[in-house]
Amino acid sequence: MVDSASALAAPGPMVLLEQALADLDAAILFSADAQAPSHTVVTVHGMEDPRASGALGRYLVGALAGAVDIDASLCEALLAHGTDRRAELASTVEGIIGKTNVFDTPDAQLFRDTRRNAWIGEGIGHALLMLAARHETSFIQGRLRTLSAVHPTPTRQGLDSVSTYVSQGVLAVGIGESKATCSYGSEQLTEAAKLFAQADEGVYGPDLRAELAAFRRFLPDELAIQVSDSLWSQNRCYLPMLVHQDEFNVMARRPTLAGLAPPIERRRLIVLRLTAFHAFFDAVADAMRAAVPEVVC
């Protein structure tokens, strides 16, 4: 006989986080690849489904709480527990997204646009890559195997994401840069392209080697032996992701993207256009605040 109290008990944090990824996966759809003159365009649909914003908020809190491992799996080993850790996480979340969604001064709006929305935009990219570890999507050309951690602060410099994925038994490195902007999509894509040009020049070599050294221990032997200093330079994929509202021509030729070293199918612009930009980010922020006591018990 099942105890009635147990039957009514709330699901544990790991169950909630698994469900969050499942809800996100059910809500969104990746378009087929479209080849522009300088890059490949992949469009993400359905992110404004209420399931998606709620799932993102919960997932992002889980990532901050240590529930995402390097092999892109959910893992309870490092998940924060207890009252003190819950207060610590609540303070971290508040520092990232603010106490409320009221931004009625120029400074508050600057925080919203350059910190809160920027960090959530990065988190969206991280969550979508997590889905690519569960099944193949158009985000990358294969199955994701390892993924760097989401940044714990909005202002941390460097690459937004580093990942490895496998296509036909060959390991490749994904390098991601996410931008979130209501009205300046074209300009922000140019900024992302400049970062990839720096990667081509070797500016991020030390960062990439450090990530690959950590990844190597999480890969099976047949993939681990493919990890070398030359992997990121010879077999890499650039993944700019743009979350925006106002339309611009995502198919136009971008000279900086055109000049990058990887072939065009590995210059993949992930486009996520919203009809209500600020309302979407407000919804994700609300979901994050609500998720803190669910994730850290």
Protein backbone atom coordinates (compact mmCIF):
# COMPACT_ATOMS: atom_id res chain seq x y z
CA MET A 1 0.00 0.00 0.00
CA VAL A 2 1.39 3.45 -0.98
CA ASP A 3 1.69 5.94 1.87
CA SER A 4 -0.62 8.88 1.13
CA ALA A 5 1.96 11.46 2.23
CA SER A 6 4.57 9.95 -0.10
CA ALA A 7 2.10 9.88 -2.95
CA LEU A 8 1.42 13.59 -2.51
CA ALA A 9 5.06 14.58 -2.02
CA ALA A 10 6.46 17.06 -4.50
CA PRO A 11 8.84 15.61 -7.08
CA GLY A 12 12.53 15.99 -6.28
CA PRO A 13 14.82 18.53 -7.94
CA MET A 14 16.31 16.11 -10.46
CA VAL A 15 12.86 14.99 -11.60
CA LEU A 16 11.85 18.63 -12.04
CA LEU A 17 14.98 19.42 -14.03
CA GLU A 18 14.54 16.42 -16.30
CA GLN A 19 10.95 17.50 -16.86
CA ALA A 20 12.11 21.04 -17.63
CA LEU A 21 14.32 19.77 -20.45
CA ALA A 22 11.49 17.56 -21.71
CA ASP A 23 9.06 20.50 -21.66
CA LEU A 24 11.52 22.71 -23.52
CA ASP A 25 12.09 20.00 -26.10
CA ALA A 26 8.33 19.60 -26.60
CA ALA A 27 7.75 23.34 -27.01
CA ILE A 28 10.38 24.24 -29.60
CA LEU A 29 11.17 23.26 -33.15
CA PHE A 30 14.37 23.74 -35.14
CA SER A 31 13.97 24.68 -38.79
CA ALA A 32 15.84 22.95 -41.57
CA ASP A 33 19.19 24.51 -42.45
CA ALA A 34 19.11 27.47 -44.84
CA GLN A 35 22.38 28.42 -46.52
CA ALA A 36 23.13 32.13 -46.76
CA PRO A 37 26.13 33.41 -48.75
CA SER A 38 28.38 33.48 -45.68
CA HIS A 39 26.77 31.17 -43.14
CA THR A 40 24.07 28.61 -42.42
CA VAL A 41 20.87 29.80 -40.74
CA VAL A 42 18.93 27.63 -38.26
CA THR A 43 15.70 29.10 -36.87
CA VAL A 44 14.24 28.14 -33.50
CA HIS A 45 10.44 28.29 -33.24
CA GLY A 46 8.16 28.04 -30.23
CA MET A 47 10.27 29.68 -27.53
CA GLU A 48 7.37 31.92 -26.50
CA ASP A 49 5.28 28.89 -25.59
CA PRO A 50 4.68 29.27 -21.80
CA ARG A 51 6.15 25.79 -21.33
CA ALA A 52 9.44 27.02 -22.73
CA SER A 53 9.90 30.08 -20.50
CA GLY A 54 8.98 28.11 -17.40
CA ALA A 55 11.27 25.26 -18.34
CA LEU A 56 14.15 27.62 -19.09
CA GLY A 57 13.83 29.35 -15.73
CA ARG A 58 13.94 26.08 -13.85
CA TYR A 59 16.79 24.67 -15.94
CA LEU A 60 18.93 27.79 -15.51
CA VAL A 61 18.54 27.69 -11.74
CA GLY A 62 19.52 24.02 -11.83
CA ALA A 63 22.61 24.86 -13.86
CA LEU A 64 23.61 27.55 -11.35
CA ALA A 65 23.01 25.08 -8.51
CA GLY A 66 25.50 22.56 -9.97
CA ALA A 67 23.11 20.03 -11.49
CA VAL A 68 24.69 19.94 -14.98
CA ASP A 69 27.80 17.84 -15.52
CA ILE A 70 30.48 18.21 -18.19
CA ASP A 71 29.05 15.32 -20.21
CA ALA A 72 25.79 17.30 -20.64
CA SER A 73 23.92 15.09 -18.20
CA LEU A 74 21.96 16.08 -15.13
CA CYS A 75 23.82 14.94 -12.02
CA GLU A 76 22.85 15.24 -8.35
CA ALA A 77 26.39 14.84 -6.96
CA LEU A 78 27.18 18.58 -6.91
CA LEU A 79 23.62 19.88 -6.58
CA ALA A 80 23.37 22.38 -3.72
CA HIS A 81 21.24 21.37 -0.71
CA GLY A 82 19.99 23.02 2.46
CA THR A 83 18.86 26.39 3.77
CA ASP A 84 22.24 28.11 3.52
CA ARG A 85 22.78 27.01 -0.08
CA ARG A 86 19.22 28.05 -0.97
CA ALA A 87 19.89 31.54 0.39
CA GLU A 88 23.19 31.64 -1.50
CA LEU A 89 21.49 30.63 -4.74
CA ALA A 90 18.67 33.12 -4.23
CA SER A 91 21.28 35.86 -3.84
CA THR A 92 23.08 34.71 -7.01
CA VAL A 93 19.83 34.66 -8.99
CA GLU A 94 18.88 38.10 -7.70
CA GLY A 95 22.29 39.46 -8.72
CA ILE A 96 21.81 38.12 -12.24
CA ILE A 97 18.17 39.01 -12.95
CA GLY A 98 17.20 41.51 -10.25
CA LYS A 99 14.59 41.39 -7.50
CA THR A 100 11.70 42.34 -9.80
CA ASN A 101 10.93 42.99 -13.46
CA VAL A 102 10.51 46.75 -12.88
CA PHE A 103 13.18 48.71 -14.74
CA ASP A 104 12.03 52.33 -14.55
CA THR A 105 15.33 54.22 -14.63
CA PRO A 106 18.08 54.40 -17.26
CA ASP A 107 20.47 52.49 -15.00
CA ALA A 108 17.86 49.80 -14.36
CA GLN A 109 17.19 49.45 -18.08
CA LEU A 110 20.92 49.18 -18.73
CA PHE A 111 21.07 46.35 -16.17
CA ARG A 112 18.13 44.64 -17.87
CA ASP A 113 19.62 44.89 -21.35
CA THR A 114 23.32 44.27 -20.70
CA ARG A 115 23.21 41.92 -17.72
CA ARG A 116 19.87 40.18 -17.19
CA ASN A 117 18.86 39.62 -20.80
CA ALA A 118 22.43 38.94 -21.89
CA TRP A 119 22.85 36.22 -19.27
CA ILE A 120 19.48 34.62 -20.01
CA GLY A 121 20.34 34.69 -23.72
CA GLU A 122 23.53 32.78 -22.98
CA GLY A 123 21.51 30.35 -20.87
CA ILE A 124 19.10 29.71 -23.73
CA GLY A 125 22.03 28.61 -25.89
CA HIS A 126 23.24 26.32 -23.11
CA ALA A 127 19.81 24.72 -22.71
CA LEU A 128 19.42 24.17 -26.46
CA LEU A 129 22.82 22.49 -26.58
CA MET A 130 21.68 20.21 -23.75
CA LEU A 131 18.85 19.08 -26.00
CA ALA A 132 21.42 18.22 -28.68
CA ALA A 133 22.93 15.75 -26.19
CA ARG A 134 19.61 13.92 -26.04
CA HIS A 135 18.93 13.73 -29.77
CA GLU A 136 20.30 15.33 -32.91
CA THR A 137 19.04 18.82 -33.71
CA SER A 138 19.98 21.40 -36.33
CA PHE A 139 21.90 23.41 -33.72
CA ILE A 140 24.97 21.30 -34.48
CA GLN A 141 25.72 18.63 -37.08
CA GLY A 142 25.80 15.65 -34.77
CA ARG A 143 25.28 14.52 -31.18
CA LEU A 144 26.62 16.66 -28.36
CA ARG A 145 29.01 14.87 -25.98
CA THR A 146 30.46 17.52 -23.63
CA LEU A 147 29.54 21.09 -22.70
CA SER A 148 31.18 23.85 -20.67
CA ALA A 149 29.37 25.22 -17.62
CA VAL A 150 27.02 28.17 -17.81
CA HIS A 151 28.78 31.30 -16.56
CA PRO A 152 27.78 32.15 -12.95
CA THR A 153 27.97 35.92 -13.57
CA PRO A 154 26.63 38.05 -16.44
CA THR A 155 29.85 40.01 -16.97
CA ARG A 156 32.36 37.17 -17.23
CA GLN A 157 34.54 37.62 -20.29
CA GLY A 158 35.35 34.87 -22.80
CA LEU A 159 33.53 32.30 -24.84
CA ASP A 160 29.87 31.76 -23.96
CA SER A 161 30.04 28.03 -24.63
CA VAL A 162 32.48 25.35 -25.69
CA SER A 163 31.25 21.88 -26.58
CA THR A 164 32.23 18.75 -28.40
CA TYR A 165 29.99 16.74 -30.65
CA VAL A 166 30.30 13.67 -32.83
CA SER A 167 29.38 13.33 -36.48
CA GLN A 168 30.02 9.97 -38.17
CA GLY A 169 32.50 9.01 -35.48
CA VAL A 170 34.54 12.21 -35.80
CA LEU A 171 34.83 14.63 -32.88
CA ALA A 172 34.35 18.36 -33.47
CA VAL A 173 34.48 21.43 -31.24
CA GLY A 174 31.54 23.85 -31.04
CA ILE A 175 32.26 27.45 -30.01
CA GLY A 176 29.18 29.49 -29.11
CA GLU A 177 28.46 33.18 -28.63
CA SER A 178 24.94 34.33 -27.70
CA LYS A 179 23.46 37.80 -28.12
CA ALA A 180 20.10 39.09 -26.85
CA THR A 181 18.79 42.36 -28.26
CA CYS A 182 15.35 43.75 -28.98
CA SER A 183 16.22 46.08 -31.84
CA TYR A 184 19.87 45.73 -32.85
CA GLY A 185 20.14 42.23 -34.26
CA SER A 186 22.38 43.12 -37.18
CA GLU A 187 24.85 45.01 -35.03
CA GLN A 188 24.98 42.29 -32.39
CA LEU A 189 25.59 39.61 -35.01
CA THR A 190 28.54 41.68 -36.22
CA GLU A 191 29.91 41.74 -32.66
CA ALA A 192 29.58 37.96 -32.38
CA ALA A 193 31.35 37.52 -35.71
CA LYS A 194 34.29 39.58 -34.43
CA LEU A 195 34.73 37.16 -31.53
CA PHE A 196 34.92 34.23 -33.94
CA ALA A 197 37.49 36.12 -36.01
CA GLN A 198 39.56 36.42 -32.83
CA ALA A 199 39.19 32.68 -32.30
CA ASP A 200 40.49 32.14 -35.83
CA GLU A 201 43.52 34.23 -34.85
CA GLY A 202 44.21 32.03 -31.82
CA VAL A 203 43.17 34.53 -29.14
CA TYR A 204 41.16 31.90 -27.26
CA GLY A 205 43.64 29.05 -27.65
CA PRO A 206 44.44 28.76 -23.91
CA ASP A 207 40.74 28.77 -23.00
CA LEU A 208 39.93 26.09 -25.55
CA ARG A 209 42.82 23.87 -24.52
CA ALA A 210 41.70 24.10 -20.89
CA GLU A 211 38.12 23.13 -21.78
CA LEU A 212 39.29 20.22 -23.96
CA ALA A 213 41.54 18.93 -21.18
CA ALA A 214 38.50 18.78 -18.89
CA PHE A 215 36.30 17.26 -21.60
CA ARG A 216 38.78 14.50 -22.40
CA ARG A 217 38.12 12.71 -19.10
CA PHE A 218 34.40 12.49 -19.91
CA LEU A 219 34.75 11.01 -23.38
CA PRO A 220 34.96 7.31 -24.24
CA ASP A 221 38.39 6.09 -25.32
CA GLU A 222 37.60 6.12 -29.04
CA LEU A 223 36.75 9.83 -28.83
CA ALA A 224 39.25 10.85 -26.16
CA ILE A 225 42.14 9.85 -28.43
CA GLN A 226 40.90 12.42 -30.95
CA VAL A 227 41.42 15.26 -28.45
CA SER A 228 44.62 17.13 -29.24
CA ASP A 229 45.92 20.68 -29.41
CA SER A 230 44.98 20.81 -33.08
CA LEU A 231 41.38 19.61 -32.65
CA TRP A 232 39.85 23.01 -31.97
CA SER A 233 41.77 24.67 -34.80
CA GLN A 234 41.21 21.99 -37.45
CA ASN A 235 37.71 20.73 -36.68
CA ARG A 236 35.67 23.52 -35.16
CA CYS A 237 32.18 24.92 -35.63
CA TYR A 238 31.12 28.49 -34.85
CA LEU A 239 27.69 28.88 -33.28
CA PRO A 240 26.48 32.49 -33.02
CA MET A 241 22.99 32.62 -31.50
CA LEU A 242 20.79 35.69 -31.71
CA VAL A 243 17.65 36.29 -29.62
CA HIS A 244 15.88 39.37 -31.00
CA GLN A 245 12.55 41.02 -31.82
CA ASP A 246 12.91 43.54 -34.65
CA GLU A 247 13.40 41.93 -38.02
CA PHE A 248 16.58 42.17 -40.08
CA ASN A 249 17.97 40.17 -42.97
CA VAL A 250 19.55 37.07 -41.43
CA MET A 251 20.29 35.73 -44.92
CA ALA A 252 22.46 38.67 -45.98
CA ARG A 253 26.15 38.07 -46.61
CA ARG A 254 28.27 38.91 -43.58
CA PRO A 255 31.88 39.68 -44.60
CA THR A 256 33.34 38.76 -41.21
CA LEU A 257 31.50 35.44 -41.14
CA ALA A 258 32.48 34.80 -44.75
CA GLY A 259 36.15 35.19 -43.83
CA LEU A 260 36.14 32.61 -41.03
CA ALA A 261 38.12 29.39 -41.40
CA PRO A 262 35.41 26.69 -40.95
CA PRO A 263 33.31 25.70 -43.98
CA ILE A 264 29.93 27.37 -44.39
CA GLU A 265 28.01 24.47 -42.84
CA ARG A 266 30.05 25.01 -39.67
CA ARG A 267 29.26 28.70 -39.44
CA ARG A 268 25.78 28.20 -38.00
CA LEU A 269 23.68 31.21 -37.06
CA ILE A 270 20.96 30.16 -34.62
CA VAL A 271 18.09 32.65 -34.87
CA LEU A 272 15.39 33.01 -32.23
CA ARG A 273 12.95 35.83 -33.03
CA LEU A 274 10.44 36.87 -30.37
CA THR A 275 7.23 38.84 -30.84
CA ALA A 276 7.29 40.20 -27.26
CA PHE A 277 10.96 40.45 -26.34
CA HIS A 278 10.81 41.99 -22.88
CA ALA A 279 7.76 39.99 -21.82
CA PHE A 280 9.60 36.77 -22.65
CA PHE A 281 12.63 37.69 -20.57
CA ASP A 282 10.37 38.80 -17.72
CA ALA A 283 8.67 35.39 -17.82
CA VAL A 284 11.98 33.53 -17.68
CA ALA A 285 13.14 35.74 -14.78
CA ASP A 286 9.91 35.05 -12.86
CA ALA A 287 10.36 31.32 -13.46
CA MET A 288 13.92 31.51 -12.13
CA ARG A 289 12.84 33.20 -8.91
CA ALA A 290 10.11 30.61 -8.40
CA ALA A 291 12.47 27.72 -9.08
CA VAL A 292 15.04 28.44 -6.33
CA PRO A 293 13.12 26.67 -3.51
CA GLU A 294 12.19 23.81 -5.87
CA VAL A 295 15.77 23.11 -6.96
CA VAL A 296 17.58 23.58 -3.63
CA CYS A 297 15.68 21.72 -0.92
